[in-house]
Protein backbone atom coordinates (compact mmCIF):
# COMPACT_ATOMS: atom_id res chain seq x y z
CA MET A 1 -4.28 -1.00 -40.32
CA LEU A 2 -5.49 2.36 -38.44
CA ASP A 3 -4.91 5.52 -39.83
CA LYS A 4 -2.46 7.28 -37.63
CA VAL A 5 -2.68 10.59 -36.10
CA ILE A 6 -0.25 13.14 -36.72
CA VAL A 7 0.36 15.47 -33.85
CA GLY A 8 3.11 18.30 -32.79
CA SER A 9 5.28 18.72 -30.14
CA GLU A 10 2.36 20.43 -27.76
CA GLU A 11 -1.35 18.94 -28.37
CA TRP A 12 -4.71 18.57 -26.56
CA CYS A 13 -6.01 15.64 -25.49
CA SER A 14 -8.91 14.09 -23.26
CA PHE A 15 -9.61 11.50 -20.93
CA PRO A 16 -13.17 10.49 -21.61
CA THR A 17 -13.36 7.60 -18.44
CA LEU A 18 -11.80 10.10 -16.22
CA GLY A 19 -14.29 12.90 -16.67
CA ILE A 20 -11.29 14.94 -18.25
CA PRO A 21 -13.00 17.09 -21.20
CA THR A 22 -9.62 18.43 -22.45
CA ILE A 23 -5.97 18.95 -20.95
CA LYS A 24 -2.55 19.83 -22.30
CA ALA A 25 -0.17 17.64 -23.01
CA ARG A 26 3.65 17.64 -23.70
CA VAL A 27 4.10 14.98 -26.72
CA ASP A 28 7.79 13.49 -25.91
CA SER A 29 8.87 10.23 -27.94
CA GLY A 30 12.07 10.58 -25.88
CA ALA A 31 10.15 9.49 -23.08
CA LYS A 32 9.11 5.99 -22.44
CA THR A 33 6.21 6.29 -20.04
CA SER A 34 3.43 8.71 -19.80
CA ALA A 35 2.62 11.15 -16.69
CA LEU A 36 -0.66 12.51 -15.91
CA HIS A 37 -0.63 15.45 -12.86
CA ALA A 38 -2.32 13.96 -9.76
CA ILE A 39 -2.81 15.22 -5.70
CA ASN A 40 -4.67 13.95 -2.79
CA ILE A 41 -3.90 9.95 -4.39
CA VAL A 42 -5.33 7.13 -2.28
CA THR A 43 -5.86 3.82 -3.35
CA PHE A 44 -9.29 1.50 -2.39
CA GLU A 45 -10.76 -1.81 -3.17
CA LYS A 46 -13.95 -1.42 -5.48
CA ASP A 47 -15.28 -5.30 -7.24
CA SER A 48 -12.69 -6.79 -5.24
CA GLU A 49 -10.31 -5.30 -7.30
CA ASN A 50 -7.28 -2.50 -6.28
CA TRP A 51 -8.80 1.00 -7.71
CA VAL A 52 -7.04 5.01 -7.32
CA LYS A 53 -8.59 7.78 -6.73
CA PHE A 54 -6.92 11.08 -7.12
CA ASP A 55 -7.68 14.96 -7.77
CA ILE A 56 -6.48 16.92 -10.73
CA ASN A 57 -6.22 20.88 -11.96
CA PRO A 58 -6.53 20.07 -15.07
CA ILE A 59 -5.49 23.66 -16.24
CA GLN A 60 -1.59 24.84 -15.27
CA ASN A 61 -1.32 27.26 -12.43
CA ASN A 62 -4.91 27.05 -11.68
CA ALA A 63 -5.66 25.66 -8.26
CA LYS A 64 -9.60 26.14 -8.09
CA ALA A 65 -10.76 23.81 -11.14
CA VAL A 66 -10.69 20.51 -9.85
CA ILE A 67 -11.55 17.39 -11.30
CA HIS A 68 -12.18 14.07 -9.00
CA CYS A 69 -10.88 10.98 -10.80
CA GLU A 70 -10.77 6.81 -10.39
CA ALA A 71 -9.18 4.80 -12.34
CA PRO A 72 -8.28 0.56 -12.00
CA LEU A 73 -4.82 0.47 -10.32
CA VAL A 74 -2.74 -1.44 -12.74
CA ASP A 75 0.94 -0.99 -10.95
CA LYS A 76 3.09 0.16 -8.75
CA ARG A 77 6.32 1.83 -10.64
CA VAL A 78 9.53 3.09 -9.88
CA VAL A 79 10.16 6.03 -12.95
CA LYS A 80 13.09 7.62 -13.03
CA SER A 81 12.70 11.60 -14.31
CA SER A 82 14.43 13.78 -16.65
CA SER A 83 16.32 15.26 -13.86
CA GLY A 84 17.68 11.58 -12.83
CA TYR A 85 15.48 11.98 -9.57
CA ARG A 86 13.71 8.02 -9.35
CA GLU A 87 9.72 8.38 -7.88
CA GLN A 88 7.34 5.40 -6.64
CA ARG A 89 4.36 5.92 -8.95
CA TYR A 90 0.82 4.35 -9.25
CA VAL A 91 0.30 3.11 -12.64
CA ILE A 92 -3.42 3.29 -14.07
CA LYS A 93 -4.94 2.44 -17.74
CA THR A 94 -7.82 4.77 -19.07
CA LYS A 95 -8.97 6.24 -22.58
CA LEU A 96 -6.76 8.36 -24.66
CA GLU A 97 -8.61 10.43 -26.94
CA ILE A 98 -6.50 12.37 -29.43
CA GLY A 99 -7.24 13.87 -32.95
CA GLY A 100 -10.98 12.11 -32.82
CA LYS A 101 -9.47 8.56 -31.96
CA THR A 102 -9.37 6.92 -28.57
CA TRP A 103 -7.50 3.80 -27.74
CA ASP A 104 -6.36 2.76 -24.00
CA ILE A 105 -3.40 3.85 -22.46
CA GLU A 106 -0.92 3.23 -19.51
CA VAL A 107 -0.19 6.26 -17.50
CA THR A 108 1.82 7.05 -14.15
CA LEU A 109 0.38 9.51 -11.71
CA THR A 110 2.39 12.14 -10.24
CA ASN A 111 2.38 15.65 -9.32
CA ARG A 112 3.58 18.05 -12.29
CA ASP A 113 2.90 21.48 -10.68
CA SER A 114 6.66 21.95 -10.77
CA MET A 115 6.46 21.22 -14.57
CA GLY A 116 4.90 23.08 -17.89
CA PHE A 117 2.35 20.64 -18.54
CA ARG A 118 -0.32 18.61 -16.73
CA MET A 119 0.37 15.72 -19.24
CA LEU A 120 3.07 13.71 -21.00
CA LEU A 121 2.50 11.76 -23.53
CA GLY A 122 5.51 9.24 -23.80
CA ARG A 123 6.19 6.97 -26.59
CA GLU A 124 4.92 3.60 -25.15
CA ALA A 125 1.17 5.19 -25.46
CA MET A 126 1.80 6.89 -29.18
CA SER A 127 3.10 3.03 -30.54
CA GLY A 128 1.63 2.51 -33.70
CA ARG A 129 -0.88 4.98 -33.51
CA VAL A 130 1.02 8.52 -33.69
CA LEU A 131 3.37 10.32 -35.83
CA VAL A 132 5.18 13.19 -33.86
CA ASP A 133 6.15 16.45 -35.98
CA PRO A 134 8.51 17.95 -33.18
CA GLU A 135 8.48 21.59 -34.99
CA GLN A 136 4.71 22.13 -35.03
CA ARG A 137 2.29 22.73 -31.85
CA TYR A 138 -1.62 22.12 -31.45
CA LEU A 139 -1.74 20.51 -35.21
CA LEU A 140 -5.11 19.22 -33.92
CA GLY A 141 -6.31 22.68 -32.68
CA GLN A 142 -6.80 24.35 -29.18
CA PRO A 143 -9.77 24.85 -27.48
CA THR A 144 -11.21 28.29 -27.02
CA THR A 145 -11.22 30.35 -23.64
CA GLU A 146 -14.95 30.28 -23.53
CA LYS A 147 -14.70 26.55 -24.53
CA LEU A 148 -12.27 26.23 -20.86
CA LYS A 149 -14.50 28.46 -19.00
CA GLU A 150 -17.47 25.87 -20.03
CA TYR A 151 -15.57 23.16 -18.93
CA TYR A 152 -13.95 24.06 -16.05
CA TYR A 153 -15.01 27.66 -14.63
CA ALA A 154 -18.88 27.15 -14.91
CA THR A 155 -19.36 25.12 -12.15
CA ASN A 156 -16.52 26.80 -9.94
CA GLU A 157 -18.75 29.80 -10.51
CA THR A 158 -22.05 28.68 -9.50
CA LYS A 159 -21.01 26.30 -6.64
CA LYS A 160 -20.28 28.62 -3.38
CA GLY A 161 -17.55 27.36 -0.92
CA LEU A 162 -17.49 27.85 2.69
CA LYS A 163 -15.35 31.18 4.21
CA ILE A 164 -12.61 29.87 5.71
CA GLY A 165 -10.03 31.76 7.88
CA LEU A 166 -6.66 31.02 8.82
CA LEU A 167 -5.81 32.57 12.18
CA ALA A 168 -2.35 32.82 12.40
CA SER A 169 0.86 35.05 12.56
CA ASN A 170 3.21 34.37 9.46
CA PRO A 171 1.59 33.68 6.24
CA GLU A 172 4.90 32.48 4.42
CA LEU A 173 5.23 29.47 6.91
CA TYR A 174 5.29 26.55 4.79
CA SER A 175 2.23 24.78 7.04
CA ASN A 176 0.01 28.42 6.39
CA LYS A 177 0.78 28.30 2.61
CA ARG A 178 -0.13 24.64 2.46
CA ILE A 179 -3.75 25.13 4.80
CA LEU A 180 -4.37 27.97 2.38
CA GLU A 181 -4.03 26.26 -1.06
CA ALA A 182 -5.55 23.13 -0.06
CA GLY A 183 -8.80 25.34 0.93
CA GLU A 184 -8.39 26.75 -2.43
CA LEU A 185 -7.92 23.51 -4.27
CA ARG A 186 -11.54 22.34 -2.39
CA GLY A 187 -13.26 25.41 -3.68
CA HIS A 188 -13.43 27.38 -0.38
CA GLU A 189 -12.88 31.63 -0.10
CA MET A 190 -9.55 30.99 1.75
CA HIS A 191 -8.10 34.40 3.90
CA PHE A 192 -5.02 34.66 6.37
CA LEU A 193 -5.79 36.52 9.29
CA ASN A 194 -3.01 38.15 11.20
CA LEU A 195 -3.68 37.95 14.88
CA LYS A 196 -1.74 40.83 15.39
CA TYR A 197 -4.29 42.85 12.97
CA CYS A 198 -7.45 41.45 14.85
CA TYR A 199 -9.42 43.25 17.63
CA MET A 200 -12.50 42.50 18.93
CA LYS A 201 -15.67 44.61 20.37
CA LEU A 202 -17.25 42.92 23.02
CA ASP A 203 -20.93 43.59 23.13
CA ALA A 204 -24.37 41.79 24.63
CA ASP A 205 -26.29 42.73 21.44
CA THR A 206 -23.53 43.41 18.60
CA PRO A 207 -20.58 41.34 19.30
CA GLU A 208 -17.79 42.03 16.45
CA ILE A 209 -14.07 41.11 15.42
CA HIS A 210 -12.63 44.09 13.17
CA TYR A 211 -9.50 43.62 10.82
CA ARG A 212 -6.68 46.09 10.18
CA GLY A 213 -8.51 49.13 8.17
CA GLY A 214 -11.84 48.28 10.27
CA LYS A 215 -13.18 45.58 8.22
CA VAL A 216 -15.54 43.36 10.06
CA LEU A 217 -15.02 39.67 10.20
CA ASN A 218 -18.15 38.57 11.57
CA ASP A 219 -18.71 36.16 8.11
CA PHE A 220 -16.81 33.73 8.14
CA ASP A 221 -17.87 29.95 8.15
CA ALA A 222 -14.75 28.55 10.11
CA VAL A 223 -11.57 29.45 11.24
CA ILE A 224 -8.37 27.25 11.79
CA PRO A 225 -6.44 28.63 14.70
CA ARG A 226 -2.67 28.36 14.28
CA ILE A 227 -1.38 30.00 17.11
CA ARG A 228 2.17 30.67 18.09
CA PRO A 229 2.63 29.77 22.05
CA SER A 230 3.80 33.35 22.69
CA MET A 231 0.27 34.43 21.03
CA THR A 232 -1.91 31.76 23.04
CA TYR A 233 -3.51 34.31 25.52
CA TYR A 234 -4.56 36.49 22.58
CA GLY A 235 -5.30 34.31 20.16
CA CYS A 236 -7.52 32.32 22.40
CA ALA A 237 -9.59 34.95 23.00
CA LEU A 238 -9.84 35.46 19.50
CA THR A 239 -11.01 32.35 19.00
CA ARG A 240 -13.55 32.52 21.65
CA GLN A 241 -14.91 35.42 20.44
CA PHE A 242 -15.11 33.61 16.56
CA GLU A 243 -17.34 30.74 18.72
CA ALA A 244 -19.26 33.36 20.24
CA LEU A 245 -20.31 34.75 17.05
CA LYS A 246 -21.23 30.90 15.80
CA VAL A 247 -17.85 30.41 13.78
CA PHE A 248 -16.73 26.86 13.74
CA ALA A 249 -12.86 26.93 15.27
CA LEU A 250 -11.28 23.36 13.92
CA ASN A 251 -9.62 23.45 17.14
CA ASN A 252 -11.53 25.54 19.69
CA ALA A 253 -9.92 27.60 22.16
CA SER A 254 -10.61 25.43 25.54
CA ALA A 255 -8.63 23.00 23.83
CA ILE A 256 -5.70 25.01 22.89
CA THR A 257 -5.49 26.27 26.39
CA GLN A 258 -5.18 23.34 27.98
CA SER A 259 -3.06 21.87 25.44
CA ARG A 260 -0.67 25.04 25.90
CA ASP A 261 -0.54 23.99 29.62
CA LYS A 262 1.72 21.11 30.23
CA LEU A 263 1.57 20.11 33.57
CA PHE A 264 -2.48 19.93 32.72
CA SER A 265 -2.24 18.06 29.72
CA LEU A 266 0.08 14.98 31.60
CA GLN A 267 -2.53 14.87 34.35
CA LEU A 268 -5.63 14.94 31.98
CA LEU A 269 -3.92 12.54 29.53
CA LEU A 270 -3.40 10.01 32.80
CA ASN A 271 -6.97 10.51 33.33
CA ASN A 272 -7.98 9.07 30.34
CA GLY A 273 -5.51 6.17 30.36
CA VAL A 274 -3.02 7.21 28.42
CA ASP A 275 0.44 6.32 29.69
CA ILE A 276 3.19 8.89 29.59
CA PRO A 277 7.06 8.28 30.97
CA THR A 278 7.49 8.78 34.86
CA THR A 279 7.22 12.57 35.37
CA GLY A 280 7.53 14.62 38.75
CA PHE A 281 6.44 18.24 39.17
CA ALA A 282 7.55 20.74 42.81
CA ASN A 283 7.33 24.06 43.31
CA SER A 284 10.14 24.23 45.97
CA PRO A 285 14.09 23.54 45.32
CA LEU A 286 14.13 21.82 48.58
CA ASP A 287 12.62 18.81 47.00
CA THR A 288 15.33 18.41 44.06
CA ASP A 289 16.76 15.19 45.66
CA ASP A 290 13.37 13.60 45.96
CA LEU A 291 11.87 14.42 42.73
CA ILE A 292 14.87 13.10 41.09
CA LYS A 293 14.58 9.95 42.84
CA MET A 294 11.10 9.60 42.14
CA VAL A 295 11.64 9.58 38.30
CA GLY A 296 14.35 7.17 38.89
CA GLY A 297 17.10 8.99 38.98
CA SER A 298 19.79 10.18 36.37
CA PRO A 299 20.09 10.77 33.72
CA LEU A 300 16.36 12.60 33.53
CA ILE A 301 14.81 15.38 31.36
CA VAL A 302 14.23 18.44 32.53
CA LYS A 303 11.36 20.58 30.91
CA LEU A 304 10.18 24.00 31.10
CA LEU A 305 6.27 24.03 30.97
CA GLU A 306 6.60 27.08 28.39
CA GLY A 307 8.82 25.66 26.15
CA THR A 308 8.17 24.25 22.56
CA GLN A 309 9.72 22.62 19.29
CA GLY A 310 12.38 21.42 21.71
CA LYS A 311 13.41 24.54 23.33
CA GLY A 312 13.66 24.43 27.26
CA VAL A 313 14.42 21.02 27.15
CA VAL A 314 17.55 19.50 28.99
CA LEU A 315 19.23 16.41 29.51
CA ALA A 316 20.61 16.13 32.91
CA GLU A 317 22.98 12.56 32.70
CA THR A 318 24.30 12.64 36.40
CA LYS A 319 22.64 13.24 39.79
CA LYS A 320 24.67 16.49 40.37
CA ALA A 321 23.90 18.07 36.56
CA ALA A 322 20.17 17.30 37.51
CA GLU A 323 20.34 19.10 40.73
CA SER A 324 22.35 22.04 39.37
CA VAL A 325 19.69 22.56 36.20
CA ILE A 326 16.81 22.00 38.45
CA ASN A 327 17.87 24.65 41.01
CA ALA A 328 18.92 26.98 38.05
CA PHE A 329 15.20 26.81 37.02
CA LYS A 330 13.66 27.33 40.47
CA SER A 331 15.88 30.56 41.26
CA LEU A 332 14.53 31.83 38.01
CA ASN A 333 11.04 30.89 38.86
CA ALA A 334 10.22 28.98 36.23
CA ASN A 335 8.02 26.14 35.85
CA ILE A 336 9.28 22.94 34.99
CA LEU A 337 9.16 18.99 34.94
CA VAL A 338 11.30 16.28 35.76
CA GLN A 339 10.70 13.18 33.31
CA GLU A 340 12.78 9.56 33.24
CA PHE A 341 14.76 9.52 30.14
CA ILE A 342 13.81 6.45 27.96
CA LYS A 343 17.58 5.61 26.74
CA GLU A 344 16.31 2.74 24.42
CA ALA A 345 14.47 5.36 22.11
CA ASN A 346 18.16 6.11 21.11
CA GLY A 347 17.18 9.82 20.18
CA LYS A 348 13.95 8.62 17.98
CA ASP A 349 10.28 9.41 18.67
CA LEU A 350 7.05 9.28 16.42
CA ARG A 351 4.65 12.29 15.25
CA LEU A 352 1.04 10.90 14.49
CA PHE A 353 -1.10 13.70 13.05
CA VAL A 354 -4.66 13.01 14.12
CA VAL A 355 -7.17 15.08 12.27
CA ASP A 356 -11.03 14.67 13.37
CA GLY A 357 -10.09 11.09 15.42
CA LYS A 358 -8.03 9.34 12.46
CA VAL A 359 -4.23 9.54 12.35
CA VAL A 360 -4.06 10.49 8.68
CA ALA A 361 -0.17 10.21 8.74
CA ALA A 362 2.77 9.27 11.17
CA MET A 363 6.47 9.89 10.63
CA GLN A 364 9.94 8.73 12.75
CA ARG A 365 11.82 11.52 13.90
CA GLU A 366 15.49 10.72 14.82
CA ALA A 367 18.06 13.43 16.38
CA ALA A 368 20.65 14.93 14.81
CA PRO A 369 24.54 13.05 16.30
CA GLY A 370 25.19 14.47 19.35
CA GLU A 371 21.77 16.03 20.01
CA PHE A 372 18.73 13.92 22.44
CA ARG A 373 16.26 16.02 21.04
CA ALA A 374 14.52 14.53 17.38
CA ASN A 375 12.30 17.63 17.06
CA ILE A 376 12.75 18.75 12.98
CA HIS A 377 13.65 22.24 14.00
CA MET A 378 16.41 21.38 16.29
CA GLY A 379 18.03 19.21 13.06
CA GLY A 380 16.21 16.07 13.86
CA THR A 381 15.65 14.06 10.03
CA ALA A 382 12.05 12.77 8.99
CA SER A 383 11.28 9.46 7.36
CA VAL A 384 8.32 7.12 7.38
CA VAL A 385 7.58 4.31 10.07
CA LYS A 386 5.26 1.62 10.27
CA ILE A 387 3.31 2.46 13.62
CA THR A 388 1.40 -0.12 15.70
CA SER A 389 -2.33 -0.59 16.21
CA ASP A 390 -1.23 0.53 20.18
CA GLU A 391 0.60 3.51 18.72
CA LYS A 392 -2.44 4.68 16.88
CA LYS A 393 -4.73 4.11 19.59
CA ILE A 394 -2.75 6.14 21.77
CA ALA A 395 -2.69 9.08 19.45
CA ILE A 396 -6.21 8.90 19.02
CA LYS A 397 -7.07 8.68 22.80
CA ALA A 398 -4.85 11.45 23.35
CA ALA A 399 -6.31 13.62 21.21
CA LYS A 400 -9.92 12.75 22.12
CA ALA A 401 -8.71 13.40 25.67
CA MET A 402 -7.58 17.02 24.79
CA ASN A 403 -10.56 17.54 22.41
CA LEU A 404 -8.87 18.58 19.39
CA LYS A 405 -9.68 17.81 16.01
CA VAL A 406 -6.43 18.42 14.76
CA ALA A 407 -3.18 17.46 17.00
CA GLY A 408 0.34 15.96 16.18
CA VAL A 409 1.05 13.47 19.02
CA ASP A 410 4.17 12.58 20.12
CA ILE A 411 5.16 9.01 21.03
CA ILE A 412 8.25 7.44 22.25
CA ARG A 413 9.02 3.54 22.19
CA SER A 414 10.07 2.03 25.33
CA SER A 415 10.69 -0.89 27.34
CA LYS A 416 7.42 -0.89 28.87
CA GLY A 417 5.84 -0.07 25.70
CA PRO A 418 4.80 3.38 23.71
CA LEU A 419 4.31 6.15 25.96
CA LEU A 420 3.02 9.88 25.32
CA LEU A 421 5.26 12.80 24.92
CA GLU A 422 3.14 15.92 24.71
CA VAL A 423 0.22 16.60 22.53
CA ASN A 424 0.38 19.79 19.89
CA SER A 425 -2.43 22.04 18.99
CA SER A 426 -0.78 23.38 16.41
CA PRO A 427 1.66 20.85 14.69
CA GLY A 428 3.73 21.68 11.33
CA LEU A 429 2.90 20.35 8.20
CA GLU A 430 6.23 20.56 5.99
CA GLY A 431 8.47 17.64 8.42
CA ILE A 432 5.54 14.93 8.00
CA GLU A 433 4.11 15.98 4.48
CA GLY A 434 7.97 15.95 2.96
CA ALA A 435 8.44 12.30 4.68
CA THR A 436 5.03 10.58 3.95
CA GLN A 437 3.79 12.53 0.87
CA LYS A 438 0.20 12.84 2.49
CA ASP A 439 -2.29 15.83 1.83
CA ILE A 440 -2.43 16.70 5.31
CA ALA A 441 -3.57 20.28 4.65
CA GLY A 442 -6.26 18.67 2.37
CA GLU A 443 -7.50 16.25 5.41
CA MET A 444 -7.67 19.63 7.67
CA ILE A 445 -10.06 21.00 5.16
CA LYS A 446 -12.42 17.89 4.94
CA ALA A 447 -12.83 18.19 8.36
CA ILE A 448 -14.45 21.02 8.13
CA GLU A 449 -16.40 20.48 5.35
CA LYS A 450 -17.73 17.30 7.15
CA ASN A 451 -18.69 19.71 9.84
CA PHE A 452 -20.92 21.73 7.44
CA LYS A 453 -21.86 18.42 5.56
CA TRP A 454 -20.31 20.34 2.42
CA LYS A 455 -20.16 18.16 -0.57
């Protein structure tokens, strides 16, 4: 019979086959299943078997220490947390080393950022091998600060990441915070650059970009433009200036500019063989009647060319209502599109997120009751959806036609097949990351790394 290891309620252990030299664990005999912190979880096939790879930040509240792990996939299981929340998790089998002894255990993978420990050691993993003294802590000792530095910080200090700027307006937005976090997790030096605080020196010999206080921004490797519509002109001018300084822009200025011109972008998409709902555009209100007929009559959609997030989009349910709306907009000298209304979509559309020529995530958006716009900002709800190969092809083709490395592609399902609604050059991450649990911000950082062949 094996000698049992006596442990306290908190101990340090290691996972030799995962390459984790030490990690602090909460020992809890009240929990059946063990859990390990994991992010960026992806399944793959190796030697005809299912495996899973994931990243772990082994030290709590330290995003810079990252270990890339992979292990055989044992199961996929619904686990109920102590707070009653049910979550489907991947289960791996790996070797646990604690108190000088090693044995195989099953561990579920989950994001434990909100927990106090990166590891939870449950009773199944301890059965027959471990005795717990809940009144004690660290009976097996603790690693010194120097040892932790040796394990986790030395390599990060010697390995220089890229210097990446996030060119945006609001540092508190979920999307912006996630992108900064994802870059730091992957070892890069991330900076939030407020568009309003940047200014330029146009000069043939020494062009420069300065930041509030006179700091020169010429030494960046890459920038990620996240330009709000009201700042399109200035934001694109700044992006062009970075490009002139040989700084890589994840979406370049010309691609962003053309994506913001709804009419031009629709023309560009049609020229590249992407189907859209029948659309009309006119300058004079004298042609309103024929314009309505052109798109199949009422009900129809009227869109302001400058609108975003569902704003400036009106459903005209009758011909009379359509005439009134069109003429009202025209009297304000507003540029509008009229578009056929896809009734069979039933207030639903698809958002496909494309990064570097691949669809990395997709969700279905459904309009709130009494609303026809499915935008999340308009109260719409998001859910995971299985997309067809045709829908995936349309999204990839649309992003390529617009020359966008990052794009949110909106598609509507019609009786004629999938139709493209629009392409967004600064798509939000909150709704789609929440619905799909995908690390889209990380995919954006990987696209920059690929450009620099950085590993």
